[in-house]
């Protein structure tokens, strides 16, 4: 029995880990965007979160906006899958803050 196993390799290495392939998004100005605010509790043990959806922001800008919204609401939250999740029902507060920043806001969901 031979211990010779064929191993595939490439000159460029693992393409999944390359910086050039990382998704880079350029932020649009607030006046050109509409933020959609949703209330959700699915898969969270009945706990409610407010979701801010459909914003086109770079990762850094998204994190900065999430930080600001968490501060305004006095609660925790995160950025997940291109959406901002804020713990609790804070759609009105978040809508007011986003409008101050220049975003158009639509409140969706029950």
C-alpha atoms as a PDB file:
ATOM      1  CA  UNK A   1       0.000   0.000   0.000  1.00  0.00           C
ATOM      2  CA  UNK A   2       1.364   3.386  -0.995  1.00  0.00           C
ATOM      3  CA  UNK A   3       1.343   6.506   1.207  1.00  0.00           C
ATOM      4  CA  UNK A   4       1.441   8.778  -1.831  1.00  0.00           C
ATOM      5  CA  UNK A   5      -1.693  10.955  -1.737  1.00  0.00           C
ATOM      6  CA  UNK A   6      -2.378  13.588  -4.330  1.00  0.00           C
ATOM      7  CA  UNK A   7      -2.722  16.988  -2.701  1.00  0.00           C
ATOM      8  CA  UNK A   8      -4.177  19.893  -4.635  1.00  0.00           C
ATOM      9  CA  UNK A   9      -2.657  23.326  -4.162  1.00  0.00           C
ATOM     10  CA  UNK A  10      -2.513  26.583  -6.022  1.00  0.00           C
ATOM     11  CA  UNK A  11       0.017  29.367  -6.360  1.00  0.00           C
ATOM     12  CA  UNK A  12      -2.400  31.890  -4.884  1.00  0.00           C
ATOM     13  CA  UNK A  13      -3.362  29.985  -1.714  1.00  0.00           C
ATOM     14  CA  UNK A  14      -6.796  29.988  -0.107  1.00  0.00           C
ATOM     15  CA  UNK A  15      -8.810  32.538  -2.065  1.00  0.00           C
ATOM     16  CA  UNK A  16     -11.504  32.715   0.641  1.00  0.00           C
ATOM     17  CA  UNK A  17      -9.097  34.416   3.014  1.00  0.00           C
ATOM     18  CA  UNK A  18      -7.781  37.063   0.648  1.00  0.00           C
ATOM     19  CA  UNK A  19      -8.417  40.709   1.453  1.00  0.00           C
ATOM     20  CA  UNK A  20      -9.156  41.518  -2.189  1.00  0.00           C
ATOM     21  CA  UNK A  21     -12.171  39.213  -2.134  1.00  0.00           C
ATOM     22  CA  UNK A  22     -13.651  40.745   1.015  1.00  0.00           C
ATOM     23  CA  UNK A  23     -16.936  42.478   0.339  1.00  0.00           C
ATOM     24  CA  UNK A  24     -16.321  46.203   0.243  1.00  0.00           C
ATOM     25  CA  UNK A  25     -19.340  48.471   0.283  1.00  0.00           C
ATOM     26  CA  UNK A  26     -19.151  52.217  -0.110  1.00  0.00           C
ATOM     27  CA  UNK A  27     -21.638  54.057   2.094  1.00  0.00           C
ATOM     28  CA  UNK A  28     -24.387  56.049   0.451  1.00  0.00           C
ATOM     29  CA  UNK A  29     -25.223  59.454   1.985  1.00  0.00           C
ATOM     30  CA  UNK A  30     -28.145  59.396   4.466  1.00  0.00           C
ATOM     31  CA  UNK A  31     -30.340  61.566   2.231  1.00  0.00           C
ATOM     32  CA  UNK A  32     -30.248  58.923  -0.511  1.00  0.00           C
ATOM     33  CA  UNK A  33     -31.335  56.019   1.714  1.00  0.00           C
ATOM     34  CA  UNK A  34     -34.494  54.747   3.364  1.00  0.00           C
ATOM     35  CA  UNK A  35     -34.149  52.756   6.588  1.00  0.00           C
ATOM     36  CA  UNK A  36     -36.806  50.134   7.244  1.00  0.00           C
ATOM     37  CA  UNK A  37     -37.542  49.449  10.925  1.00  0.00           C
ATOM     38  CA  UNK A  38     -38.950  46.068  11.881  1.00  0.00           C
ATOM     39  CA  UNK A  39     -39.944  44.448  15.161  1.00  0.00           C
ATOM     40  CA  UNK A  40     -38.949  40.803  15.482  1.00  0.00           C
ATOM     41  CA  UNK A  41     -38.988  38.102  18.149  1.00  0.00           C
ATOM     42  CA  UNK A  42     -38.648  34.890  16.118  1.00  0.00           C
ATOM     43  CA  UNK A  43     -35.936  32.558  17.345  1.00  0.00           C
ATOM     44  CA  UNK A  44     -35.094  34.790  20.285  1.00  0.00           C
ATOM     45  CA  UNK A  45     -37.005  33.084  23.071  1.00  0.00           C
ATOM     46  CA  UNK A  46     -39.841  35.614  22.864  1.00  0.00           C
ATOM     47  CA  UNK A  47     -37.531  38.596  23.350  1.00  0.00           C
ATOM     48  CA  UNK A  48     -38.190  41.503  21.008  1.00  0.00           C
ATOM     49  CA  UNK A  49     -35.534  43.212  18.908  1.00  0.00           C
ATOM     50  CA  UNK A  50     -35.803  46.189  16.571  1.00  0.00           C
ATOM     51  CA  UNK A  51     -34.188  45.604  13.173  1.00  0.00           C
ATOM     52  CA  UNK A  52     -32.837  48.376  10.953  1.00  0.00           C
ATOM     53  CA  UNK A  53     -32.791  47.015   7.402  1.00  0.00           C
ATOM     54  CA  UNK A  54     -31.824  47.970   3.846  1.00  0.00           C
ATOM     55  CA  UNK A  55     -29.081  50.487   4.610  1.00  0.00           C
ATOM     56  CA  UNK A  56     -26.100  50.572   2.271  1.00  0.00           C
ATOM     57  CA  UNK A  57     -23.193  51.296   4.588  1.00  0.00           C
ATOM     58  CA  UNK A  58     -19.593  50.152   4.896  1.00  0.00           C
ATOM     59  CA  UNK A  59     -18.865  47.790   7.780  1.00  0.00           C
ATOM     60  CA  UNK A  60     -17.281  50.600   9.822  1.00  0.00           C
ATOM     61  CA  UNK A  61     -20.177  53.001   9.192  1.00  0.00           C
ATOM     62  CA  UNK A  62     -22.707  50.270  10.042  1.00  0.00           C
ATOM     63  CA  UNK A  63     -20.935  49.555  13.345  1.00  0.00           C
ATOM     64  CA  UNK A  64     -20.754  53.272  14.155  1.00  0.00           C
ATOM     65  CA  UNK A  65     -24.476  53.753  13.457  1.00  0.00           C
ATOM     66  CA  UNK A  66     -25.299  50.687  15.589  1.00  0.00           C
ATOM     67  CA  UNK A  67     -23.200  52.120  18.429  1.00  0.00           C
ATOM     68  CA  UNK A  68     -25.045  55.414  18.223  1.00  0.00           C
ATOM     69  CA  UNK A  69     -28.484  53.772  18.150  1.00  0.00           C
ATOM     70  CA  UNK A  70     -27.624  51.546  21.119  1.00  0.00           C
ATOM     71  CA  UNK A  71     -26.559  54.644  23.035  1.00  0.00           C
ATOM     72  CA  UNK A  72     -29.790  56.504  22.184  1.00  0.00           C
ATOM     73  CA  UNK A  73     -31.904  53.532  23.270  1.00  0.00           C
ATOM     74  CA  UNK A  74     -29.782  52.710  26.326  1.00  0.00           C
ATOM     75  CA  UNK A  75     -29.623  49.042  25.389  1.00  0.00           C
ATOM     76  CA  UNK A  76     -27.506  46.424  23.656  1.00  0.00           C
ATOM     77  CA  UNK A  77     -27.460  45.303  20.084  1.00  0.00           C
ATOM     78  CA  UNK A  78     -25.320  44.079  17.217  1.00  0.00           C
ATOM     79  CA  UNK A  79     -24.743  44.145  13.472  1.00  0.00           C
ATOM     80  CA  UNK A  80     -25.662  40.845  11.841  1.00  0.00           C
ATOM     81  CA  UNK A  81     -26.023  39.996   8.127  1.00  0.00           C
ATOM     82  CA  UNK A  82     -26.000  43.646   7.073  1.00  0.00           C
ATOM     83  CA  UNK A  83     -28.759  44.591   9.534  1.00  0.00           C
ATOM     84  CA  UNK A  84     -28.626  46.391  12.853  1.00  0.00           C
ATOM     85  CA  UNK A  85     -30.338  44.591  15.746  1.00  0.00           C
ATOM     86  CA  UNK A  86     -31.238  46.648  18.809  1.00  0.00           C
ATOM     87  CA  UNK A  87     -32.567  44.824  21.875  1.00  0.00           C
ATOM     88  CA  UNK A  88     -36.135  45.782  22.778  1.00  0.00           C
ATOM     89  CA  UNK A  89     -38.962  47.679  21.067  1.00  0.00           C
ATOM     90  CA  UNK A  90     -37.404  51.033  20.106  1.00  0.00           C
ATOM     91  CA  UNK A  91     -38.754  51.767  16.632  1.00  0.00           C
ATOM     92  CA  UNK A  92     -39.988  55.280  17.472  1.00  0.00           C
ATOM     93  CA  UNK A  93     -36.723  56.343  19.167  1.00  0.00           C
ATOM     94  CA  UNK A  94     -34.626  54.892  16.369  1.00  0.00           C
ATOM     95  CA  UNK A  95     -36.850  56.534  13.739  1.00  0.00           C
ATOM     96  CA  UNK A  96     -36.389  59.935  15.418  1.00  0.00           C
ATOM     97  CA  UNK A  97     -32.602  59.511  15.568  1.00  0.00           C
ATOM     98  CA  UNK A  98     -32.321  58.327  11.958  1.00  0.00           C
ATOM     99  CA  UNK A  99     -34.435  61.285  10.784  1.00  0.00           C
ATOM    100  CA  UNK A 100     -32.092  63.661  12.658  1.00  0.00           C
ATOM    101  CA  UNK A 101     -29.192  62.051  10.782  1.00  0.00           C
ATOM    102  CA  UNK A 102     -30.951  62.651   7.449  1.00  0.00           C
ATOM    103  CA  UNK A 103     -32.312  59.192   6.641  1.00  0.00           C
ATOM    104  CA  UNK A 104     -35.814  58.568   5.317  1.00  0.00           C
ATOM    105  CA  UNK A 105     -37.563  56.092   7.619  1.00  0.00           C
ATOM    106  CA  UNK A 106     -40.330  53.538   7.101  1.00  0.00           C
ATOM    107  CA  UNK A 107     -41.733  51.658  10.085  1.00  0.00           C
ATOM    108  CA  UNK A 108     -42.832  48.150   9.115  1.00  0.00           C
ATOM    109  CA  UNK A 109     -44.263  45.151  10.928  1.00  0.00           C
ATOM    110  CA  UNK A 110     -46.561  44.858  13.925  1.00  0.00           C
END
